Amino acid sequence: MTRSEYFKKYSLPTVVATLGTGLFPEVVLVQGAIESANGASLLSRKYNNFFGIKAGSSWKGKTVNLQTGEVF
């Protein structure tokens, strides 16, 4: 999807998800778009995750290992 389509689709859910957290929904929305290639990344398409969150050794939930690329 295009960046515009991504914003239209996820703007309201992002606002709802950030209510009461002190996070700016605009920042979360844009960062999600960048990290997920506008929802086109494998992580977002297959695993419904827009962010490459790293799990520590104390995490007991499900995980998936994917190769990532850092941008500097």
Protein backbone atom coordinates (compact mmCIF):
# COMPACT_ATOMS: atom_id res chain seq x y z
CA MET A 1 0.00 0.00 0.00
CA THR A 2 1.11 3.56 -0.45
CA ARG A 3 2.19 5.75 2.45
CA SER A 4 -1.07 7.68 2.14
CA GLU A 5 -3.12 4.46 2.26
CA TYR A 6 -1.12 3.30 5.28
CA PHE A 7 -1.84 6.55 7.11
CA LYS A 8 -5.56 6.40 6.28
CA LYS A 9 -5.83 2.77 7.43
CA TYR A 10 -3.82 3.03 10.66
CA SER A 11 -4.31 6.62 11.90
CA LEU A 12 -7.31 5.94 14.12
CA PRO A 13 -5.99 2.63 15.56
CA THR A 14 -2.71 4.38 16.37
CA VAL A 15 -4.49 7.20 18.18
CA VAL A 16 -6.50 4.67 20.20
CA ALA A 17 -3.41 2.57 20.98
CA THR A 18 -1.47 5.56 22.27
CA LEU A 19 -4.21 7.10 24.42
CA GLY A 20 -2.94 7.69 27.93
CA THR A 21 0.62 6.61 27.15
CA GLY A 22 2.22 10.01 26.61
CA LEU A 23 3.35 8.89 23.15
CA PHE A 24 2.61 11.08 20.15
CA PRO A 25 0.44 9.04 17.75
CA GLU A 26 1.95 10.86 14.76
CA VAL A 27 5.42 9.67 15.71
CA VAL A 28 4.29 6.09 16.28
CA LEU A 29 2.38 6.09 12.98
CA VAL A 30 5.31 7.42 10.94
CA GLN A 31 7.83 5.12 12.62
CA GLY A 32 5.56 2.14 11.94
CA ALA A 33 5.29 3.15 8.29
CA ILE A 34 9.07 3.42 7.99
CA GLU A 35 9.88 0.16 9.79
CA SER A 36 7.21 -1.85 7.96
CA ALA A 37 7.65 -0.35 4.47
CA ASN A 38 4.06 0.92 4.69
CA GLY A 39 2.81 -2.44 5.91
CA ALA A 40 4.55 -4.39 3.11
CA SER A 41 7.33 -6.03 5.15
CA LEU A 42 7.20 -9.75 5.90
CA LEU A 43 7.01 -8.97 9.60
CA SER A 44 3.89 -6.85 9.13
CA ARG A 45 2.20 -8.98 6.47
CA LYS A 46 2.70 -12.39 8.06
CA TYR A 47 3.04 -11.56 11.76
CA ASN A 48 0.96 -8.35 12.04
CA ASN A 49 3.87 -6.45 13.58
CA PHE A 50 5.07 -3.07 12.31
CA PHE A 51 8.12 -2.76 14.56
CA GLY A 52 11.21 -4.92 14.87
CA ILE A 53 10.95 -5.31 18.63
CA LYS A 54 13.72 -7.32 20.23
CA ALA A 55 12.73 -9.81 22.94
CA GLY A 56 14.99 -10.30 25.94
CA SER A 57 15.72 -13.58 27.68
CA SER A 58 12.88 -12.98 30.16
CA TRP A 59 10.26 -12.95 27.36
CA LYS A 60 8.19 -16.18 27.46
CA GLY A 61 5.79 -15.46 24.61
CA LYS A 62 6.01 -16.42 20.95
CA THR A 63 8.88 -15.08 18.88
CA VAL A 64 9.94 -15.05 15.26
CA ASN A 65 13.49 -14.58 13.99
CA LEU A 66 13.91 -12.54 10.82
CA GLN A 67 16.97 -10.96 9.30
CA THR A 68 16.96 -7.20 9.71
CA GLY A 69 18.87 -4.34 8.23
CA GLU A 70 19.81 -1.32 10.26
CA VAL A 71 19.72 2.10 8.59
CA PHE A 72 22.15 4.73 9.81
